[in-house]
Amino acid sequence: MSTIKLVDCEHIIDANSANLTGSKFQDVSLAESHFHSVTLESSTISNAHFGGITFTEINFTGTSIRNADLTNLSIESCYYTGMKIEGIEVEEMLALYRASKACSA
């Protein structure tokens, strides 16, 4: 596999049916990029800004989020099996919340 180095430049990369395994992106803007049918398995993302991004039909199985600013994060119509926040099962939290809402109605 060959290496393509891009330093201090501006390009639009159109990759289709490409294997970019092992690629590195440091101090790179991918703003307004589109990713469809992409595998980021076993990747590391740190010090990243995802403001205004939409994730649809994404598999986060086995993913960890740490030291993140989740201000105004919205999670809807998802599977929560085994998901924990601060060690607490999300499905359990949602069941307790829904039960308390039903009691107060």
N, C-alpha and C. Protein backbone atom coordinates (compact mmCIF):
# COMPACT_ATOMS: atom_id res chain seq x y z
N MET A 1 0.85 -1.18 0.00
CA MET A 1 0.00 0.00 0.00
C MET A 1 0.89 1.24 0.00
N SER A 2 0.59 2.17 -0.87
CA SER A 2 1.40 3.39 -0.96
C SER A 2 0.90 4.45 0.02
N THR A 3 1.74 5.44 0.30
CA THR A 3 1.39 6.53 1.20
C THR A 3 1.28 7.82 0.41
N ILE A 4 0.21 8.56 0.63
CA ILE A 4 0.03 9.88 0.03
C ILE A 4 0.15 10.89 1.15
N LYS A 5 1.08 11.82 1.05
CA LYS A 5 1.26 12.85 2.08
C LYS A 5 0.73 14.18 1.56
N LEU A 6 -0.15 14.79 2.36
CA LEU A 6 -0.68 16.11 2.04
C LEU A 6 -0.31 17.02 3.20
N VAL A 7 0.49 18.05 2.95
CA VAL A 7 0.93 18.96 4.00
C VAL A 7 0.68 20.39 3.56
N ASP A 8 0.07 21.19 4.46
CA ASP A 8 -0.20 22.60 4.18
C ASP A 8 -0.81 22.82 2.79
N CYS A 9 -1.94 22.15 2.53
CA CYS A 9 -2.57 22.27 1.22
C CYS A 9 -4.08 22.20 1.37
N GLU A 10 -4.78 22.50 0.28
CA GLU A 10 -6.23 22.40 0.24
C GLU A 10 -6.62 21.51 -0.92
N HIS A 11 -7.32 20.42 -0.61
CA HIS A 11 -7.77 19.49 -1.64
C HIS A 11 -9.13 18.94 -1.24
N ILE A 12 -9.90 18.51 -2.20
CA ILE A 12 -11.09 17.72 -1.95
C ILE A 12 -10.74 16.30 -2.36
N ILE A 13 -10.93 15.37 -1.44
CA ILE A 13 -10.62 13.97 -1.71
C ILE A 13 -11.94 13.24 -1.96
N ASP A 14 -12.05 12.60 -3.10
CA ASP A 14 -13.23 11.81 -3.45
C ASP A 14 -12.80 10.35 -3.46
N ALA A 15 -13.04 9.65 -2.36
CA ALA A 15 -12.64 8.25 -2.24
C ALA A 15 -13.88 7.37 -2.34
N ASN A 16 -13.87 6.41 -3.25
CA ASN A 16 -14.99 5.52 -3.44
C ASN A 16 -14.45 4.10 -3.53
N SER A 17 -15.00 3.18 -2.75
CA SER A 17 -14.52 1.79 -2.71
C SER A 17 -13.01 1.75 -2.47
N ALA A 18 -12.56 2.57 -1.52
CA ALA A 18 -11.12 2.69 -1.24
C ALA A 18 -10.79 2.09 0.12
N ASN A 19 -9.62 1.52 0.24
CA ASN A 19 -9.12 1.01 1.51
C ASN A 19 -8.09 1.99 2.03
N LEU A 20 -8.46 2.78 3.03
CA LEU A 20 -7.56 3.78 3.61
C LEU A 20 -7.15 3.36 5.02
N THR A 21 -7.15 2.05 5.29
CA THR A 21 -6.78 1.52 6.59
C THR A 21 -5.42 2.04 7.02
N GLY A 22 -5.33 2.50 8.27
CA GLY A 22 -4.06 3.00 8.80
C GLY A 22 -3.80 4.47 8.49
N SER A 23 -4.76 5.14 7.85
CA SER A 23 -4.58 6.55 7.52
C SER A 23 -4.53 7.38 8.80
N LYS A 24 -3.84 8.52 8.73
CA LYS A 24 -3.72 9.42 9.86
C LYS A 24 -4.17 10.81 9.44
N PHE A 25 -4.95 11.45 10.30
CA PHE A 25 -5.40 12.81 10.06
C PHE A 25 -5.06 13.61 11.30
N GLN A 26 -4.19 14.58 11.18
CA GLN A 26 -3.81 15.42 12.32
C GLN A 26 -3.90 16.88 11.92
N ASP A 27 -4.62 17.67 12.74
CA ASP A 27 -4.83 19.08 12.46
C ASP A 27 -5.42 19.25 11.06
N VAL A 28 -6.52 18.51 10.80
CA VAL A 28 -7.15 18.48 9.49
C VAL A 28 -8.62 18.89 9.64
N SER A 29 -9.11 19.71 8.74
CA SER A 29 -10.53 20.06 8.72
C SER A 29 -11.23 19.14 7.72
N LEU A 30 -12.24 18.43 8.21
CA LEU A 30 -13.09 17.62 7.34
C LEU A 30 -14.52 18.19 7.36
N ALA A 31 -14.63 19.50 7.63
CA ALA A 31 -15.92 20.17 7.70
C ALA A 31 -16.69 19.96 6.40
N GLU A 32 -17.99 19.78 6.54
CA GLU A 32 -18.90 19.60 5.40
C GLU A 32 -18.58 18.37 4.56
N SER A 33 -17.84 17.42 5.15
CA SER A 33 -17.55 16.16 4.46
C SER A 33 -18.73 15.21 4.60
N HIS A 34 -18.83 14.25 3.71
CA HIS A 34 -19.89 13.25 3.75
C HIS A 34 -19.25 11.88 3.85
N PHE A 35 -19.71 11.09 4.81
CA PHE A 35 -19.21 9.73 5.00
C PHE A 35 -20.40 8.78 4.90
N HIS A 36 -20.36 7.84 3.99
CA HIS A 36 -21.44 6.86 3.84
C HIS A 36 -20.80 5.48 3.72
N SER A 37 -21.34 4.54 4.47
CA SER A 37 -20.83 3.16 4.45
C SER A 37 -19.33 3.15 4.73
N VAL A 38 -18.96 3.77 5.86
CA VAL A 38 -17.57 3.92 6.25
C VAL A 38 -17.29 3.05 7.48
N THR A 39 -16.14 2.41 7.53
CA THR A 39 -15.74 1.63 8.68
C THR A 39 -14.64 2.38 9.42
N LEU A 40 -14.90 2.71 10.68
CA LEU A 40 -13.89 3.33 11.55
C LEU A 40 -13.56 2.40 12.71
N GLU A 41 -13.83 1.12 12.54
CA GLU A 41 -13.62 0.12 13.58
C GLU A 41 -12.18 0.17 14.11
N SER A 42 -12.06 0.13 15.43
CA SER A 42 -10.77 0.14 16.14
C SER A 42 -9.98 1.43 15.92
N SER A 43 -10.66 2.49 15.49
CA SER A 43 -10.00 3.79 15.30
C SER A 43 -10.02 4.58 16.60
N THR A 44 -9.17 5.57 16.69
CA THR A 44 -9.14 6.48 17.83
C THR A 44 -9.42 7.88 17.34
N ILE A 45 -10.37 8.53 17.97
CA ILE A 45 -10.69 9.92 17.65
C ILE A 45 -10.53 10.72 18.92
N SER A 46 -9.65 11.71 18.91
CA SER A 46 -9.44 12.53 20.12
C SER A 46 -9.33 14.00 19.74
N ASN A 47 -9.70 14.84 20.69
CA ASN A 47 -9.65 16.29 20.50
C ASN A 47 -10.36 16.68 19.20
N ALA A 48 -11.57 16.13 19.02
CA ALA A 48 -12.34 16.37 17.79
C ALA A 48 -13.56 17.22 18.10
N HIS A 49 -14.00 18.00 17.14
CA HIS A 49 -15.18 18.83 17.27
C HIS A 49 -16.26 18.29 16.35
N PHE A 50 -17.39 17.86 16.95
CA PHE A 50 -18.50 17.31 16.17
C PHE A 50 -19.72 18.21 16.23
N GLY A 51 -19.58 19.49 16.50
CA GLY A 51 -20.72 20.40 16.60
C GLY A 51 -21.56 20.39 15.33
N GLY A 52 -22.86 20.19 15.49
CA GLY A 52 -23.78 20.24 14.36
C GLY A 52 -23.77 19.00 13.49
N ILE A 53 -23.10 17.94 13.90
CA ILE A 53 -23.02 16.72 13.10
C ILE A 53 -24.23 15.84 13.37
N THR A 54 -24.67 15.09 12.38
CA THR A 54 -25.77 14.14 12.53
C THR A 54 -25.26 12.74 12.23
N PHE A 55 -25.47 11.82 13.19
CA PHE A 55 -25.15 10.41 12.98
C PHE A 55 -26.47 9.68 12.73
N THR A 56 -26.60 8.97 11.62
CA THR A 56 -27.80 8.22 11.29
C THR A 56 -27.40 6.79 10.92
N GLU A 57 -28.12 5.81 11.46
CA GLU A 57 -27.85 4.40 11.19
C GLU A 57 -26.38 4.06 11.46
N ILE A 58 -25.94 4.38 12.67
CA ILE A 58 -24.55 4.17 13.08
C ILE A 58 -24.48 3.04 14.09
N ASN A 59 -23.49 2.17 13.99
CA ASN A 59 -23.29 1.09 14.95
C ASN A 59 -22.17 1.51 15.91
N PHE A 60 -22.56 1.85 17.14
CA PHE A 60 -21.60 2.24 18.17
C PHE A 60 -21.33 1.09 19.15
N THR A 61 -21.61 -0.15 18.77
CA THR A 61 -21.41 -1.30 19.65
C THR A 61 -19.98 -1.32 20.18
N GLY A 62 -19.83 -1.39 21.51
CA GLY A 62 -18.51 -1.48 22.13
C GLY A 62 -17.74 -0.17 22.16
N THR A 63 -18.39 0.93 21.83
CA THR A 63 -17.73 2.24 21.79
C THR A 63 -17.74 2.89 23.17
N SER A 64 -16.68 3.60 23.51
CA SER A 64 -16.60 4.36 24.76
C SER A 64 -16.47 5.84 24.44
N ILE A 65 -17.17 6.66 25.20
CA ILE A 65 -17.04 8.12 25.09
C ILE A 65 -16.58 8.61 26.44
N ARG A 66 -15.45 9.28 26.49
CA ARG A 66 -14.89 9.76 27.75
C ARG A 66 -14.50 11.23 27.63
N ASN A 67 -14.61 11.94 28.74
CA ASN A 67 -14.20 13.35 28.81
C ASN A 67 -14.79 14.17 27.66
N ALA A 68 -16.07 13.96 27.40
CA ALA A 68 -16.74 14.63 26.27
C ALA A 68 -17.73 15.67 26.76
N ASP A 69 -17.87 16.74 26.01
CA ASP A 69 -18.90 17.74 26.28
C ASP A 69 -20.14 17.30 25.51
N LEU A 70 -21.16 16.84 26.23
CA LEU A 70 -22.39 16.35 25.61
C LEU A 70 -23.53 17.35 25.73
N THR A 71 -23.19 18.63 25.88
CA THR A 71 -24.19 19.68 26.00
C THR A 71 -25.13 19.64 24.79
N ASN A 72 -26.43 19.60 25.07
CA ASN A 72 -27.48 19.58 24.04
C ASN A 72 -27.42 18.38 23.10
N LEU A 73 -26.77 17.30 23.53
CA LEU A 73 -26.75 16.06 22.74
C LEU A 73 -28.15 15.45 22.76
N SER A 74 -28.62 15.01 21.61
CA SER A 74 -29.94 14.38 21.50
C SER A 74 -29.75 12.96 20.98
N ILE A 75 -30.32 11.98 21.70
CA ILE A 75 -30.28 10.58 21.28
C ILE A 75 -31.72 10.11 21.19
N GLU A 76 -32.14 9.66 20.01
CA GLU A 76 -33.54 9.27 19.79
C GLU A 76 -33.62 8.02 18.93
N SER A 77 -34.66 7.23 19.15
CA SER A 77 -34.96 6.04 18.33
C SER A 77 -33.75 5.13 18.20
N CYS A 78 -33.13 4.82 19.34
CA CYS A 78 -31.92 3.99 19.34
C CYS A 78 -32.11 2.75 20.21
N TYR A 79 -31.24 1.78 20.03
CA TYR A 79 -31.20 0.60 20.90
C TYR A 79 -30.25 0.93 22.05
N TYR A 80 -30.71 0.73 23.29
CA TYR A 80 -29.93 1.09 24.48
C TYR A 80 -29.45 -0.13 25.26
N THR A 81 -29.61 -1.34 24.72
CA THR A 81 -29.25 -2.55 25.42
C THR A 81 -27.77 -2.50 25.86
N GLY A 82 -27.55 -2.58 27.17
CA GLY A 82 -26.19 -2.59 27.70
C GLY A 82 -25.54 -1.22 27.80
N MET A 83 -26.20 -0.17 27.31
CA MET A 83 -25.62 1.17 27.36
C MET A 83 -25.65 1.68 28.80
N LYS A 84 -24.54 2.27 29.21
CA LYS A 84 -24.44 2.81 30.57
C LYS A 84 -23.97 4.25 30.53
N ILE A 85 -24.49 5.04 31.46
CA ILE A 85 -23.99 6.39 31.69
C ILE A 85 -23.55 6.43 33.15
N GLU A 86 -22.28 6.74 33.36
CA GLU A 86 -21.72 6.75 34.71
C GLU A 86 -22.00 5.44 35.44
N GLY A 87 -21.97 4.32 34.70
CA GLY A 87 -22.16 3.00 35.27
C GLY A 87 -23.61 2.59 35.48
N ILE A 88 -24.56 3.45 35.12
CA ILE A 88 -25.98 3.16 35.31
C ILE A 88 -26.59 2.75 33.97
N GLU A 89 -27.32 1.62 33.98
CA GLU A 89 -27.97 1.13 32.76
C GLU A 89 -28.99 2.15 32.26
N VAL A 90 -28.88 2.56 31.01
CA VAL A 90 -29.78 3.55 30.43
C VAL A 90 -31.21 3.03 30.35
N GLU A 91 -31.38 1.77 29.97
CA GLU A 91 -32.74 1.22 29.90
C GLU A 91 -33.42 1.28 31.26
N GLU A 92 -32.68 1.03 32.33
CA GLU A 92 -33.23 1.11 33.69
C GLU A 92 -33.60 2.55 34.03
N MET A 93 -32.72 3.48 33.68
CA MET A 93 -33.02 4.90 33.94
C MET A 93 -34.27 5.34 33.20
N LEU A 94 -34.40 4.94 31.93
CA LEU A 94 -35.56 5.32 31.14
C LEU A 94 -36.84 4.72 31.71
N ALA A 95 -36.76 3.46 32.16
CA ALA A 95 -37.95 2.82 32.75
C ALA A 95 -38.38 3.55 34.01
N LEU A 96 -37.43 3.92 34.87
CA LEU A 96 -37.76 4.66 36.09
C LEU A 96 -38.34 6.03 35.76
N TYR A 97 -37.75 6.71 34.79
CA TYR A 97 -38.24 8.03 34.37
C TYR A 97 -39.67 7.92 33.85
N ARG A 98 -39.90 6.96 32.97
CA ARG A 98 -41.24 6.80 32.38
C ARG A 98 -42.27 6.44 33.46
N ALA A 99 -41.87 5.60 34.41
CA ALA A 99 -42.77 5.23 35.50
C ALA A 99 -43.11 6.44 36.36
N SER A 100 -42.13 7.30 36.64
CA SER A 100 -42.39 8.47 37.45
C SER A 100 -43.28 9.47 36.70
N LYS A 101 -43.13 9.57 35.39
CA LYS A 101 -43.97 10.46 34.58
C LYS A 101 -45.42 9.94 34.57
N ALA A 102 -45.58 8.60 34.52
CA ALA A 102 -46.91 8.01 34.50
C ALA A 102 -47.61 8.24 35.85
N CYS A 103 -46.85 8.19 36.95
CA CYS A 103 -47.42 8.40 38.28
C CYS A 103 -47.84 9.86 38.48
N SER A 104 -47.13 10.79 37.89
CA SER A 104 -47.43 12.20 38.08
C SER A 104 -48.49 12.73 37.11
N ALA A 105 -48.89 11.86 36.15
CA ALA A 105 -49.90 12.29 35.15
C ALA A 105 -51.30 12.18 35.68
